[in-house]
Amino acid sequence: MNWRAVQAIYAFEMARTGRTLLQSIISPVISTSLYFVVFGAAIGARITEIDGVSYGAFIVPGLIMMMLLTQSTANASFGIYFPKFVGTIYEILSAPISYIEIVLGYVGAAATKSIILGLIILATAGFFVPLHVEHPVWMLAFLVLTAVTFSLFGFIIGIWADGFEKLQVIPLLVITPLTFLGGSFYSISVLPPVWQTVSLFNPLVYLISGFRWSFYGISDVGVGISLGATLLFLALCLAIVWWIFRTGYRLKA
């Protein structure tokens, strides 16, 4: 394993965060704070609590997960797409480093940035609502697994995209709607039975539910099922990345 190569790619991607601090860190934190103000004040005045948890505290895991999914995907997709756009991807592919090391560098940096952002948002939430993390180890486990999984997913999107417009298609038209409909701001138990069944086909329900369980011990689906769904999606992304490098899909053209 060429750890020097992994470190070089990782350090370069992490340095980009420092150059775009306003966009990478400050903007998502401000957006999350606005969610607390709007949802906590407007909806929280009408919905005092859900499953014994105040509404303001209830939406914290959903907000963190929403930012984690979107930022992991965006960071990883742009990280690998830009070298394709400017042509430096061929220098990386011709260098004496393996595909595993390339993925570790790009995905590791994207996941690290998302995890840092998630922890910052968690700390920010403490200024708005009283927080209690019932299972901190599981909270970190779900945080890391989700960040890595969706960084891999973003890496796939970055390779698939052949224009800057395509980088935004799946995050805006797929991930964001599924996050809003996945129980970020409500429990699916409040939905009519038919829509509860429909919601179970939304994969993000399992991620958000498991993450919320780590905070308050409540969930819409079993925590074992949530963990299994996360690991299944991770395995699927790993399989697709392996196939991409094995076939050279949109890398060697």
C-alpha atoms as a PDB file:
ATOM      1  CA  MET A   1       0.000   0.000   0.000  1.00  0.00           C
ATOM      2  CA  ASN A   2       1.439   3.337  -1.109  1.00  0.00           C
ATOM      3  CA  TRP A   3       0.391   5.465   1.857  1.00  0.00           C
ATOM      4  CA  ARG A   4       2.385   8.443   0.593  1.00  0.00           C
ATOM      5  CA  ALA A   5       0.163   8.596  -2.497  1.00  0.00           C
ATOM      6  CA  VAL A   6      -2.985   8.270  -0.372  1.00  0.00           C
ATOM      7  CA  GLN A   7      -1.743  11.037   1.895  1.00  0.00           C
ATOM      8  CA  ALA A   8      -0.973  13.313  -1.073  1.00  0.00           C
ATOM      9  CA  ILE A   9      -4.470  12.970  -2.561  1.00  0.00           C
ATOM     10  CA  TYR A  10      -6.079  13.246   0.872  1.00  0.00           C
ATOM     11  CA  ALA A  11      -4.088  16.365   1.828  1.00  0.00           C
ATOM     12  CA  PHE A  12      -4.844  18.048  -1.504  1.00  0.00           C
ATOM     13  CA  GLU A  13      -8.586  17.470  -1.125  1.00  0.00           C
ATOM     14  CA  MET A  14      -8.586  18.591   2.510  1.00  0.00           C
ATOM     15  CA  ALA A  15      -6.684  21.755   1.555  1.00  0.00           C
ATOM     16  CA  ARG A  16      -9.490  22.609  -0.854  1.00  0.00           C
ATOM     17  CA  THR A  17     -11.821  22.830   2.134  1.00  0.00           C
ATOM     18  CA  GLY A  18      -9.619  25.506   3.670  1.00  0.00           C
ATOM     19  CA  ARG A  19      -9.709  27.486   0.433  1.00  0.00           C
ATOM     20  CA  THR A  20     -13.507  27.279   0.250  1.00  0.00           C
ATOM     21  CA  LEU A  21     -14.295  27.566   3.956  1.00  0.00           C
ATOM     22  CA  LEU A  22     -17.358  29.757   3.408  1.00  0.00           C
ATOM     23  CA  GLN A  23     -18.945  27.292   1.012  1.00  0.00           C
ATOM     24  CA  SER A  24     -17.775  24.073   2.674  1.00  0.00           C
ATOM     25  CA  ILE A  25     -18.414  24.759   6.361  1.00  0.00           C
ATOM     26  CA  ILE A  26     -20.006  28.104   7.145  1.00  0.00           C
ATOM     27  CA  SER A  27     -22.831  27.941   4.580  1.00  0.00           C
ATOM     28  CA  PRO A  28     -24.162  24.493   5.659  1.00  0.00           C
ATOM     29  CA  VAL A  29     -24.016  25.515   9.327  1.00  0.00           C
ATOM     30  CA  ILE A  30     -25.998  28.700   8.633  1.00  0.00           C
ATOM     31  CA  SER A  31     -28.536  26.728   6.576  1.00  0.00           C
ATOM     32  CA  THR A  32     -28.986  24.239   9.414  1.00  0.00           C
ATOM     33  CA  SER A  33     -29.426  27.054  11.924  1.00  0.00           C
ATOM     34  CA  LEU A  34     -32.201  28.479   9.739  1.00  0.00           C
ATOM     35  CA  TYR A  35     -33.923  25.091   9.754  1.00  0.00           C
ATOM     36  CA  PHE A  36     -33.900  25.173  13.556  1.00  0.00           C
ATOM     37  CA  VAL A  37     -35.354  28.675  13.595  1.00  0.00           C
ATOM     38  CA  VAL A  38     -38.064  27.982  10.998  1.00  0.00           C
ATOM     39  CA  PHE A  39     -39.056  24.440  11.927  1.00  0.00           C
ATOM     40  CA  GLY A  40     -38.416  24.796  15.638  1.00  0.00           C
ATOM     41  CA  ALA A  41     -40.383  28.027  15.983  1.00  0.00           C
ATOM     42  CA  ALA A  42     -43.131  27.536  13.385  1.00  0.00           C
ATOM     43  CA  ILE A  43     -43.834  23.806  13.524  1.00  0.00           C
ATOM     44  CA  GLY A  44     -42.480  23.268  17.041  1.00  0.00           C
ATOM     45  CA  ALA A  45     -45.142  25.644  18.372  1.00  0.00           C
ATOM     46  CA  ARG A  46     -47.815  23.244  17.061  1.00  0.00           C
ATOM     47  CA  ILE A  47     -46.038  19.913  17.558  1.00  0.00           C
ATOM     48  CA  THR A  48     -44.611  19.994  21.059  1.00  0.00           C
ATOM     49  CA  GLU A  49     -43.082  16.512  21.057  1.00  0.00           C
ATOM     50  CA  ILE A  50     -42.847  13.219  19.171  1.00  0.00           C
ATOM     51  CA  ASP A  51     -42.460   9.943  21.069  1.00  0.00           C
ATOM     52  CA  GLY A  52     -41.629  11.853  24.225  1.00  0.00           C
ATOM     53  CA  VAL A  53     -38.908  13.979  22.580  1.00  0.00           C
ATOM     54  CA  SER A  54     -39.351  17.712  22.029  1.00  0.00           C
ATOM     55  CA  TYR A  55     -39.829  18.506  18.355  1.00  0.00           C
ATOM     56  CA  GLY A  56     -36.748  20.743  18.204  1.00  0.00           C
ATOM     57  CA  ALA A  57     -34.556  17.949  19.528  1.00  0.00           C
ATOM     58  CA  PHE A  58     -36.339  15.334  17.409  1.00  0.00           C
ATOM     59  CA  ILE A  59     -35.294  16.948  14.113  1.00  0.00           C
ATOM     60  CA  VAL A  60     -31.591  17.239  15.053  1.00  0.00           C
ATOM     61  CA  PRO A  61     -30.575  13.753  13.779  1.00  0.00           C
ATOM     62  CA  GLY A  62     -32.583  14.316  10.592  1.00  0.00           C
ATOM     63  CA  LEU A  63     -30.913  17.660   9.922  1.00  0.00           C
ATOM     64  CA  ILE A  64     -27.443  16.239  10.538  1.00  0.00           C
ATOM     65  CA  MET A  65     -28.178  13.283   8.276  1.00  0.00           C
ATOM     66  CA  MET A  66     -29.570  15.537   5.543  1.00  0.00           C
ATOM     67  CA  MET A  67     -26.420  17.655   5.524  1.00  0.00           C
ATOM     68  CA  LEU A  68     -24.224  14.564   5.767  1.00  0.00           C
ATOM     69  CA  LEU A  69     -25.822  12.925   2.721  1.00  0.00           C
ATOM     70  CA  THR A  70     -25.729  16.008   0.521  1.00  0.00           C
ATOM     71  CA  GLN A  71     -22.241  17.167   1.514  1.00  0.00           C
ATOM     72  CA  SER A  72     -20.668  13.694   1.257  1.00  0.00           C
ATOM     73  CA  THR A  73     -22.088  13.264  -2.223  1.00  0.00           C
ATOM     74  CA  ALA A  74     -21.145  16.773  -3.359  1.00  0.00           C
ATOM     75  CA  ASN A  75     -17.591  16.703  -1.970  1.00  0.00           C
ATOM     76  CA  ALA A  76     -16.723  13.309  -3.444  1.00  0.00           C
ATOM     77  CA  SER A  77     -18.374  13.894  -6.827  1.00  0.00           C
ATOM     78  CA  PHE A  78     -16.642  17.235  -7.397  1.00  0.00           C
ATOM     79  CA  GLY A  79     -13.342  15.880  -6.051  1.00  0.00           C
ATOM     80  CA  ILE A  80     -13.053  13.210  -8.744  1.00  0.00           C
ATOM     81  CA  TYR A  81     -14.899  15.058 -11.523  1.00  0.00           C
ATOM     82  CA  PHE A  82     -12.615  18.107 -11.541  1.00  0.00           C
ATOM     83  CA  PRO A  83      -9.467  16.083 -12.425  1.00  0.00           C
ATOM     84  CA  LYS A  84     -11.494  14.549 -15.268  1.00  0.00           C
ATOM     85  CA  PHE A  85     -12.579  18.011 -16.401  1.00  0.00           C
ATOM     86  CA  VAL A  86      -9.063  19.479 -16.519  1.00  0.00           C
ATOM     87  CA  GLY A  87      -7.407  16.248 -17.714  1.00  0.00           C
ATOM     88  CA  THR A  88      -5.177  15.583 -14.684  1.00  0.00           C
ATOM     89  CA  ILE A  89      -7.001  12.304 -14.047  1.00  0.00           C
ATOM     90  CA  TYR A  90      -4.694  10.656 -16.594  1.00  0.00           C
ATOM     91  CA  GLU A  91      -1.645  11.647 -14.561  1.00  0.00           C
ATOM     92  CA  ILE A  92      -3.196   9.986 -11.522  1.00  0.00           C
ATOM     93  CA  LEU A  93      -4.126   6.841 -13.462  1.00  0.00           C
ATOM     94  CA  SER A  94      -0.610   6.566 -14.943  1.00  0.00           C
ATOM     95  CA  ALA A  95       1.114   7.102 -11.577  1.00  0.00           C
ATOM     96  CA  PRO A  96       2.428   4.053  -9.658  1.00  0.00           C
ATOM     97  CA  ILE A  97      -0.595   3.892  -7.371  1.00  0.00           C
ATOM     98  CA  SER A  98      -3.426   1.403  -7.274  1.00  0.00           C
ATOM     99  CA  TYR A  99      -7.124   2.061  -7.687  1.00  0.00           C
ATOM    100  CA  ILE A 100      -7.640   1.292  -3.994  1.00  0.00           C
ATOM    101  CA  GLU A 101      -5.244   4.068  -3.045  1.00  0.00           C
ATOM    102  CA  ILE A 102      -7.006   6.527  -5.362  1.00  0.00           C
ATOM    103  CA  VAL A 103     -10.378   5.700  -3.802  1.00  0.00           C
ATOM    104  CA  LEU A 104      -8.961   5.901  -0.268  1.00  0.00           C
ATOM    105  CA  GLY A 105      -7.563   9.357  -0.933  1.00  0.00           C
ATOM    106  CA  TYR A 106     -10.647  10.915  -2.534  1.00  0.00           C
ATOM    107  CA  VAL A 107     -13.354   9.138  -0.546  1.00  0.00           C
ATOM    108  CA  GLY A 108     -11.420   9.442   2.720  1.00  0.00           C
ATOM    109  CA  ALA A 109     -11.123  13.208   2.327  1.00  0.00           C
ATOM    110  CA  ALA A 110     -14.791  13.641   1.372  1.00  0.00           C
ATOM    111  CA  ALA A 111     -15.931  11.503   4.304  1.00  0.00           C
ATOM    112  CA  THR A 112     -13.649  13.362   6.724  1.00  0.00           C
ATOM    113  CA  LYS A 113     -15.044  16.737   5.658  1.00  0.00           C
ATOM    114  CA  SER A 114     -18.606  15.482   6.053  1.00  0.00           C
ATOM    115  CA  ILE A 115     -17.936  14.003   9.490  1.00  0.00           C
ATOM    116  CA  ILE A 116     -16.350  17.261  10.681  1.00  0.00           C
ATOM    117  CA  LEU A 117     -19.335  19.180   9.339  1.00  0.00           C
ATOM    118  CA  GLY A 118     -21.760  16.787  11.034  1.00  0.00           C
ATOM    119  CA  LEU A 119     -20.028  17.242  14.391  1.00  0.00           C
ATOM    120  CA  ILE A 120     -20.038  21.034  13.963  1.00  0.00           C
ATOM    121  CA  ILE A 121     -23.774  20.972  13.236  1.00  0.00           C
ATOM    122  CA  LEU A 122     -24.308  18.741  16.280  1.00  0.00           C
ATOM    123  CA  ALA A 123     -22.474  21.274  18.435  1.00  0.00           C
ATOM    124  CA  THR A 124     -24.448  24.116  16.835  1.00  0.00           C
ATOM    125  CA  ALA A 125     -27.724  22.344  17.601  1.00  0.00           C
ATOM    126  CA  GLY A 126     -26.812  22.434  21.284  1.00  0.00           C
ATOM    127  CA  PHE A 127     -27.295  26.208  21.220  1.00  0.00           C
ATOM    128  CA  PHE A 128     -30.929  25.792  20.099  1.00  0.00           C
ATOM    129  CA  VAL A 129     -32.227  22.682  21.867  1.00  0.00           C
ATOM    130  CA  PRO A 130     -31.144  20.465  24.792  1.00  0.00           C
ATOM    131  CA  LEU A 131     -29.383  17.412  23.357  1.00  0.00           C
ATOM    132  CA  HIS A 132     -28.859  13.945  24.735  1.00  0.00           C
ATOM    133  CA  VAL A 133     -27.016  11.190  22.882  1.00  0.00           C
ATOM    134  CA  GLU A 134     -28.092   7.891  24.402  1.00  0.00           C
ATOM    135  CA  HIS A 135     -25.715   5.711  22.364  1.00  0.00           C
ATOM    136  CA  PRO A 136     -22.661   7.854  21.449  1.00  0.00           C
ATOM    137  CA  VAL A 137     -20.646   4.953  20.019  1.00  0.00           C
ATOM    138  CA  TRP A 138     -23.475   3.965  17.695  1.00  0.00           C
ATOM    139  CA  MET A 139     -24.000   7.604  16.805  1.00  0.00           C
ATOM    140  CA  LEU A 140     -20.397   7.879  15.637  1.00  0.00           C
ATOM    141  CA  ALA A 141     -20.664   4.506  13.876  1.00  0.00           C
ATOM    142  CA  PHE A 142     -23.722   5.585  11.871  1.00  0.00           C
ATOM    143  CA  LEU A 143     -22.091   8.962  11.195  1.00  0.00           C
ATOM    144  CA  VAL A 144     -18.912   7.391   9.793  1.00  0.00           C
ATOM    145  CA  LEU A 145     -20.680   4.621   7.861  1.00  0.00           C
ATOM    146  CA  THR A 146     -23.084   7.069   6.228  1.00  0.00           C
ATOM    147  CA  ALA A 147     -20.325   9.534   5.364  1.00  0.00           C
ATOM    148  CA  VAL A 148     -18.170   6.808   3.777  1.00  0.00           C
ATOM    149  CA  THR A 149     -21.105   5.226   1.938  1.00  0.00           C
ATOM    150  CA  PHE A 150     -22.347   8.451   0.371  1.00  0.00           C
ATOM    151  CA  SER A 151     -18.823   9.625  -0.365  1.00  0.00           C
ATOM    152  CA  LEU A 152     -18.444   6.436  -2.404  1.00  0.00           C
ATOM    153  CA  PHE A 153     -21.808   7.186  -4.003  1.00  0.00           C
ATOM    154  CA  GLY A 154     -20.626  10.707  -4.844  1.00  0.00           C
ATOM    155  CA  PHE A 155     -17.387   9.274  -6.253  1.00  0.00           C
ATOM    156  CA  ILE A 156     -19.495   7.145  -8.607  1.00  0.00           C
ATOM    157  CA  ILE A 157     -21.552  10.178  -9.658  1.00  0.00           C
ATOM    158  CA  GLY A 158     -18.374  12.165 -10.321  1.00  0.00           C
ATOM    159  CA  ILE A 159     -17.068   9.473 -12.652  1.00  0.00           C
ATOM    160  CA  TRP A 160     -20.445   9.035 -14.358  1.00  0.00           C
ATOM    161  CA  ALA A 161     -21.020  12.764 -14.923  1.00  0.00           C
ATOM    162  CA  ASP A 162     -19.779  14.290 -18.162  1.00  0.00           C
ATOM    163  CA  GLY A 163     -20.783  17.860 -17.263  1.00  0.00           C
ATOM    164  CA  PHE A 164     -21.200  20.069 -14.219  1.00  0.00           C
ATOM    165  CA  GLU A 165     -24.977  19.892 -14.650  1.00  0.00           C
ATOM    166  CA  LYS A 166     -25.004  16.132 -14.103  1.00  0.00           C
ATOM    167  CA  LEU A 167     -23.170  16.548 -10.803  1.00  0.00           C
ATOM    168  CA  GLN A 168     -26.330  18.225  -9.452  1.00  0.00           C
ATOM    169  CA  VAL A 169     -28.987  15.998 -11.007  1.00  0.00           C
ATOM    170  CA  ILE A 170     -28.975  13.108  -8.536  1.00  0.00           C
ATOM    171  CA  PRO A 171     -28.280  15.183  -5.361  1.00  0.00           C
ATOM    172  CA  LEU A 172     -31.056  17.682  -6.187  1.00  0.00           C
ATOM    173  CA  LEU A 173     -33.661  15.442  -7.816  1.00  0.00           C
ATOM    174  CA  VAL A 174     -33.117  12.209  -5.888  1.00  0.00           C
ATOM    175  CA  ILE A 175     -31.234  12.547  -2.599  1.00  0.00           C
ATOM    176  CA  THR A 176     -32.796  15.790  -1.325  1.00  0.00           C
ATOM    177  CA  PRO A 177     -36.446  14.731  -1.959  1.00  0.00           C
ATOM    178  CA  LEU A 178     -35.832  11.279  -0.464  1.00  0.00           C
ATOM    179  CA  THR A 179     -34.276  12.915   2.610  1.00  0.00           C
ATOM    180  CA  PHE A 180     -37.291  15.166   3.160  1.00  0.00           C
ATOM    181  CA  LEU A 181     -39.615  12.181   2.674  1.00  0.00           C
ATOM    182  CA  GLY A 182     -37.444   9.899   4.813  1.00  0.00           C
ATOM    183  CA  GLY A 183     -38.529  11.149   8.222  1.00  0.00           C
ATOM    184  CA  SER A 184     -36.019  13.945   8.723  1.00  0.00           C
ATOM    185  CA  PHE A 185     -38.674  16.234  10.213  1.00  0.00           C
ATOM    186  CA  TYR A 186     -41.296  13.719  11.315  1.00  0.00           C
ATOM    187  CA  SER A 187     -41.835  10.126  12.335  1.00  0.00           C
ATOM    188  CA  ILE A 188     -43.338   7.944   9.638  1.00  0.00           C
ATOM    189  CA  SER A 189     -45.616   6.524  12.360  1.00  0.00           C
ATOM    190  CA  VAL A 190     -47.741   9.699  12.079  1.00  0.00           C
ATOM    191  CA  LEU A 191     -48.503   8.915   8.426  1.00  0.00           C
ATOM    192  CA  PRO A 192     -51.540   6.950   7.267  1.00  0.00           C
ATOM    193  CA  PRO A 193     -50.862   3.181   7.038  1.00  0.00           C
ATOM    194  CA  VAL A 194     -50.612   3.239   3.230  1.00  0.00           C
ATOM    195  CA  TRP A 195     -47.960   5.974   3.249  1.00  0.00           C
ATOM    196  CA  GLN A 196     -46.078   4.236   6.052  1.00  0.00           C
ATOM    197  CA  THR A 197     -45.739   1.223   3.770  1.00  0.00           C
ATOM    198  CA  VAL A 198     -44.672   3.420   0.853  1.00  0.00           C
ATOM    199  CA  SER A 199     -42.079   5.150   3.065  1.00  0.00           C
ATOM    200  CA  LEU A 200     -40.423   1.818   3.814  1.00  0.00           C
ATOM    201  CA  PHE A 201     -39.318   1.682   0.165  1.00  0.00           C
ATOM    202  CA  ASN A 202     -37.304   4.856   0.751  1.00  0.00           C
ATOM    203  CA  PRO A 203     -33.768   3.683   1.651  1.00  0.00           C
ATOM    204  CA  LEU A 204     -33.009   6.894   3.532  1.00  0.00           C
ATOM    205  CA  VAL A 205     -35.706   6.074   6.092  1.00  0.00           C
ATOM    206  CA  TYR A 206     -33.437   3.349   7.454  1.00  0.00           C
ATOM    207  CA  LEU A 207     -30.385   5.614   7.696  1.00  0.00           C
ATOM    208  CA  ILE A 208     -32.254   8.440   9.423  1.00  0.00           C
ATOM    209  CA  SER A 209     -34.137   6.066  11.728  1.00  0.00           C
ATOM    210  CA  GLY A 210     -30.967   4.305  12.889  1.00  0.00           C
ATOM    211  CA  PHE A 211     -29.187   7.602  13.469  1.00  0.00           C
ATOM    212  CA  ARG A 212     -32.137   8.963  15.489  1.00  0.00           C
ATOM    213  CA  TRP A 213     -32.164   5.779  17.573  1.00  0.00           C
ATOM    214  CA  SER A 214     -28.573   6.461  18.615  1.00  0.00           C
ATOM    215  CA  PHE A 215     -29.746   9.787  20.060  1.00  0.00           C
ATOM    216  CA  TYR A 216     -33.034   8.954  21.783  1.00  0.00           C
ATOM    217  CA  GLY A 217     -33.522   5.193  21.605  1.00  0.00           C
ATOM    218  CA  ILE A 218     -36.553   5.569  19.317  1.00  0.00           C
ATOM    219  CA  SER A 219     -36.790   4.543  15.679  1.00  0.00           C
ATOM    220  CA  ASP A 220     -39.288   3.917  12.920  1.00  0.00           C
ATOM    221  CA  VAL A 221     -37.621   0.616  11.975  1.00  0.00           C
ATOM    222  CA  GLY A 222     -35.421  -1.793  13.885  1.00  0.00           C
ATOM    223  CA  VAL A 223     -31.873  -0.593  14.455  1.00  0.00           C
ATOM    224  CA  GLY A 224     -30.542  -3.903  13.137  1.00  0.00           C
ATOM    225  CA  ILE A 225     -32.423  -3.363   9.891  1.00  0.00           C
ATOM    226  CA  SER A 226     -31.084   0.211   9.679  1.00  0.00           C
ATOM    227  CA  LEU A 227     -27.515  -0.981  10.138  1.00  0.00           C
ATOM    228  CA  GLY A 228     -28.006  -3.793   7.635  1.00  0.00           C
ATOM    229  CA  ALA A 229     -29.426  -1.394   5.038  1.00  0.00           C
ATOM    230  CA  THR A 230     -26.469   0.964   5.491  1.00  0.00           C
ATOM    231  CA  LEU A 231     -23.949  -1.861   5.112  1.00  0.00           C
ATOM    232  CA  LEU A 232     -25.810  -3.204   2.072  1.00  0.00           C
ATOM    233  CA  PHE A 233     -25.662   0.174   0.325  1.00  0.00           C
ATOM    234  CA  LEU A 234     -21.969   0.452   1.250  1.00  0.00           C
ATOM    235  CA  ALA A 235     -21.266  -2.971  -0.272  1.00  0.00           C
ATOM    236  CA  LEU A 236     -23.200  -2.015  -3.413  1.00  0.00           C
ATOM    237  CA  CYS A 237     -21.185   1.195  -3.837  1.00  0.00           C
ATOM    238  CA  LEU A 238     -17.914  -0.699  -3.331  1.00  0.00           C
ATOM    239  CA  ALA A 239     -18.952  -3.219  -5.991  1.00  0.00           C
ATOM    240  CA  ILE A 240     -19.758  -0.448  -8.484  1.00  0.00           C
ATOM    241  CA  VAL A 241     -16.445   1.336  -7.819  1.00  0.00           C
ATOM    242  CA  TRP A 242     -14.585  -1.966  -8.317  1.00  0.00           C
ATOM    243  CA  TRP A 243     -16.412  -2.474 -11.645  1.00  0.00           C
ATOM    244  CA  ILE A 244     -15.619   1.088 -12.779  1.00  0.00           C
ATOM    245  CA  PHE A 245     -11.887   0.668 -12.284  1.00  0.00           C
ATOM    246  CA  ARG A 246     -11.893  -2.846 -13.671  1.00  0.00           C
ATOM    247  CA  THR A 247     -13.576  -1.759 -16.897  1.00  0.00           C
ATOM    248  CA  GLY A 248     -12.218   1.801 -17.042  1.00  0.00           C
ATOM    249  CA  TYR A 249     -15.760   3.169 -17.400  1.00  0.00           C
ATOM    250  CA  ARG A 250     -15.521   6.879 -18.297  1.00  0.00           C
ATOM    251  CA  LEU A 251     -11.945   6.961 -17.044  1.00  0.00           C
ATOM    252  CA  LYS A 252      -9.928   5.744 -20.011  1.00  0.00           C
ATOM    253  CA  ALA A 253     -12.072   7.150 -22.815  1.00  0.00           C
END
